[in-house]
Structures are given as structure tokens and as C-alpha cells.
């Protein structure tokens, strides 16, 4: 007999464009683990992948990707618009605010 309150977690693998250093992996790892609904995060620095186990009742894959992008990282194979210097600075400030907001939630 299965317990109706038992949580069914999902796992997704996300591949990023090359990441600068081990600190970047640590930042993404810890940033995701602070979110409600994230059960586990494992990463492979060689393949630049993150395997994320999460509770789909609390968070979904699209939201996880948005949070990673808001931290300033890019997904491999996804096209991103190129911006000028001033627009880049504005977007960096937006990401910084988004990171602070994500930590509060």
C-alpha cells in the first residue's frame, strides 16, 4: 500500500555553456539547494552538467532554468541575444536583484 503523502521527485539534467571556475559551480549548486522544492543537486565539472532532483509540486524545470540564467549562466544550445555594454550592465544589476530575491524565497 502506498502512502498518498509520499512525494514523487523528478530529476532533470541541465547542460551549461562553459563555466569559468569551480566557484561558479559552487555558486549554482548552493543557490539551487536554497530553493524550496530542490531535493538534491549534483554536478559534473568536466561535462558542465547539473543533475537536479526536485519536487514538481513546488518548482518546475522552467523555473530552475530561469534561476540559473538569472545567476548569469547560459544553457548549452540555447540562443541568447547579444547586448551592448550598457545593456549588459543593466542586465547584471537585474540578475543581482533576482539572486537576492531568490534567496529570500
C-alpha atoms as a PDB file:
ATOM      1  CA  UNK A   1       0.000   0.000   0.000  1.00  0.00           C
ATOM      2  CA  UNK A   2       1.443   3.363  -0.992  1.00  0.00           C
ATOM      3  CA  UNK A   3       1.225   6.449   1.132  1.00  0.00           C
ATOM      4  CA  UNK A   4      -0.691   9.238  -0.664  1.00  0.00           C
ATOM      5  CA  UNK A   5       1.514  11.835   1.012  1.00  0.00           C
ATOM      6  CA  UNK A   6       4.689  10.292  -0.411  1.00  0.00           C
ATOM      7  CA  UNK A   7       6.495  12.781  -2.617  1.00  0.00           C
ATOM      8  CA  UNK A   8       7.399  11.774  -6.142  1.00  0.00           C
ATOM      9  CA  UNK A   9      10.566  13.628  -7.094  1.00  0.00           C
ATOM     10  CA  UNK A  10      11.709  14.266 -10.657  1.00  0.00           C
ATOM     11  CA  UNK A  11      15.269  14.551 -11.899  1.00  0.00           C
ATOM     12  CA  UNK A  12      16.480  16.706 -14.773  1.00  0.00           C
ATOM     13  CA  UNK A  13      19.905  17.221 -16.302  1.00  0.00           C
ATOM     14  CA  UNK A  14      20.882  20.707 -17.420  1.00  0.00           C
ATOM     15  CA  UNK A  15      23.988  21.346 -19.523  1.00  0.00           C
ATOM     16  CA  UNK A  16      25.555  24.794 -19.435  1.00  0.00           C
ATOM     17  CA  UNK A  17      27.951  26.642 -21.676  1.00  0.00           C
ATOM     18  CA  UNK A  18      31.481  26.517 -20.242  1.00  0.00           C
ATOM     19  CA  UNK A  19      31.559  27.842 -16.685  1.00  0.00           C
ATOM     20  CA  UNK A  20      34.520  29.922 -15.502  1.00  0.00           C
ATOM     21  CA  UNK A  21      35.707  28.102 -12.393  1.00  0.00           C
ATOM     22  CA  UNK A  22      34.888  25.777  -9.507  1.00  0.00           C
ATOM     23  CA  UNK A  23      33.432  28.720  -7.572  1.00  0.00           C
ATOM     24  CA  UNK A  24      30.801  29.143 -10.299  1.00  0.00           C
ATOM     25  CA  UNK A  25      29.723  25.515  -9.875  1.00  0.00           C
ATOM     26  CA  UNK A  26      29.609  26.019  -6.117  1.00  0.00           C
ATOM     27  CA  UNK A  27      27.526  29.190  -6.536  1.00  0.00           C
ATOM     28  CA  UNK A  28      24.958  27.443  -8.753  1.00  0.00           C
ATOM     29  CA  UNK A  29      24.906  24.350  -6.533  1.00  0.00           C
ATOM     30  CA  UNK A  30      24.305  26.299  -3.334  1.00  0.00           C
ATOM     31  CA  UNK A  31      21.899  28.740  -4.960  1.00  0.00           C
ATOM     32  CA  UNK A  32      19.693  25.892  -6.152  1.00  0.00           C
ATOM     33  CA  UNK A  33      19.862  23.978  -2.864  1.00  0.00           C
ATOM     34  CA  UNK A  34      18.466  27.030  -1.060  1.00  0.00           C
ATOM     35  CA  UNK A  35      15.268  26.893  -3.132  1.00  0.00           C
ATOM     36  CA  UNK A  36      12.102  25.312  -1.850  1.00  0.00           C
ATOM     37  CA  UNK A  37      11.449  22.063  -3.698  1.00  0.00           C
ATOM     38  CA  UNK A  38      15.047  21.211  -4.576  1.00  0.00           C
ATOM     39  CA  UNK A  39      15.916  17.823  -3.120  1.00  0.00           C
ATOM     40  CA  UNK A  40      19.463  17.342  -4.478  1.00  0.00           C
ATOM     41  CA  UNK A  41      21.968  18.884  -6.875  1.00  0.00           C
ATOM     42  CA  UNK A  42      24.922  17.011  -8.358  1.00  0.00           C
ATOM     43  CA  UNK A  43      27.293  18.472 -10.924  1.00  0.00           C
ATOM     44  CA  UNK A  44      29.980  17.256 -13.276  1.00  0.00           C
ATOM     45  CA  UNK A  45      32.576  19.948 -13.922  1.00  0.00           C
ATOM     46  CA  UNK A  46      34.026  18.076 -16.919  1.00  0.00           C
ATOM     47  CA  UNK A  47      30.708  17.817 -18.745  1.00  0.00           C
ATOM     48  CA  UNK A  48      29.378  21.132 -17.338  1.00  0.00           C
ATOM     49  CA  UNK A  49      26.149  19.424 -16.307  1.00  0.00           C
ATOM     50  CA  UNK A  50      23.884  19.684 -13.297  1.00  0.00           C
ATOM     51  CA  UNK A  51      21.613  16.826 -12.286  1.00  0.00           C
ATOM     52  CA  UNK A  52      18.820  18.290 -10.201  1.00  0.00           C
ATOM     53  CA  UNK A  53      16.241  16.333  -8.215  1.00  0.00           C
ATOM     54  CA  UNK A  54      13.182  18.371  -7.323  1.00  0.00           C
ATOM     55  CA  UNK A  55       9.603  18.234  -6.104  1.00  0.00           C
ATOM     56  CA  UNK A  56       7.413  19.174  -9.113  1.00  0.00           C
ATOM     57  CA  UNK A  57       4.652  20.330  -6.751  1.00  0.00           C
ATOM     58  CA  UNK A  58       6.923  23.145  -5.531  1.00  0.00           C
ATOM     59  CA  UNK A  59       9.156  24.013  -8.508  1.00  0.00           C
ATOM     60  CA  UNK A  60       9.454  23.044 -12.171  1.00  0.00           C
ATOM     61  CA  UNK A  61      12.254  22.677 -14.713  1.00  0.00           C
ATOM     62  CA  UNK A  62      11.483  26.006 -16.402  1.00  0.00           C
ATOM     63  CA  UNK A  63      11.774  27.857 -13.089  1.00  0.00           C
ATOM     64  CA  UNK A  64      15.078  26.115 -12.311  1.00  0.00           C
ATOM     65  CA  UNK A  65      16.456  27.138 -15.715  1.00  0.00           C
ATOM     66  CA  UNK A  66      15.262  30.732 -15.208  1.00  0.00           C
ATOM     67  CA  UNK A  67      17.022  30.889 -11.840  1.00  0.00           C
ATOM     68  CA  UNK A  68      20.286  29.586 -13.340  1.00  0.00           C
ATOM     69  CA  UNK A  69      20.033  32.138 -16.159  1.00  0.00           C
ATOM     70  CA  UNK A  70      19.268  34.904 -13.655  1.00  0.00           C
ATOM     71  CA  UNK A  71      22.532  33.966 -11.915  1.00  0.00           C
ATOM     72  CA  UNK A  72      24.268  34.830 -15.191  1.00  0.00           C
ATOM     73  CA  UNK A  73      24.853  31.384 -16.697  1.00  0.00           C
ATOM     74  CA  UNK A  74      23.837  30.150 -20.145  1.00  0.00           C
ATOM     75  CA  UNK A  75      22.407  26.825 -21.244  1.00  0.00           C
ATOM     76  CA  UNK A  76      24.283  24.942 -23.931  1.00  0.00           C
ATOM     77  CA  UNK A  77      22.473  25.010 -27.255  1.00  0.00           C
ATOM     78  CA  UNK A  78      20.134  27.869 -26.370  1.00  0.00           C
ATOM     79  CA  UNK A  79      20.360  31.083 -28.400  1.00  0.00           C
ATOM     80  CA  UNK A  80      20.816  34.268 -26.398  1.00  0.00           C
ATOM     81  CA  UNK A  81      20.551  37.816 -27.665  1.00  0.00           C
ATOM     82  CA  UNK A  82      23.856  39.686 -27.707  1.00  0.00           C
ATOM     83  CA  UNK A  83      23.722  43.044 -25.925  1.00  0.00           C
ATOM     84  CA  UNK A  84      25.929  46.105 -25.709  1.00  0.00           C
ATOM     85  CA  UNK A  85      27.984  47.177 -22.690  1.00  0.00           C
ATOM     86  CA  UNK A  86      25.354  49.384 -21.043  1.00  0.00           C
ATOM     87  CA  UNK A  87      22.578  46.862 -21.590  1.00  0.00           C
ATOM     88  CA  UNK A  88      24.878  44.184 -20.166  1.00  0.00           C
ATOM     89  CA  UNK A  89      25.419  46.258 -17.015  1.00  0.00           C
ATOM     90  CA  UNK A  90      21.675  46.798 -16.642  1.00  0.00           C
ATOM     91  CA  UNK A  91      21.044  43.066 -17.018  1.00  0.00           C
ATOM     92  CA  UNK A  92      23.772  42.284 -14.464  1.00  0.00           C
ATOM     93  CA  UNK A  93      22.013  44.508 -11.916  1.00  0.00           C
ATOM     94  CA  UNK A  94      18.717  42.747 -12.683  1.00  0.00           C
ATOM     95  CA  UNK A  95      20.362  39.348 -12.117  1.00  0.00           C
ATOM     96  CA  UNK A  96      21.831  40.559  -8.839  1.00  0.00           C
ATOM     97  CA  UNK A  97      18.402  41.658  -7.622  1.00  0.00           C
ATOM     98  CA  UNK A  98      16.895  38.357  -8.793  1.00  0.00           C
ATOM     99  CA  UNK A  99      19.517  36.381  -6.863  1.00  0.00           C
ATOM    100  CA  UNK A 100      18.787  38.313  -3.689  1.00  0.00           C
ATOM    101  CA  UNK A 101      15.058  37.779  -4.200  1.00  0.00           C
ATOM    102  CA  UNK A 102      15.552  34.026  -4.818  1.00  0.00           C
ATOM    103  CA  UNK A 103      17.469  33.707  -1.565  1.00  0.00           C
ATOM    104  CA  UNK A 104      14.554  35.257   0.331  1.00  0.00           C
ATOM    105  CA  UNK A 105      12.055  32.758  -1.138  1.00  0.00           C
END
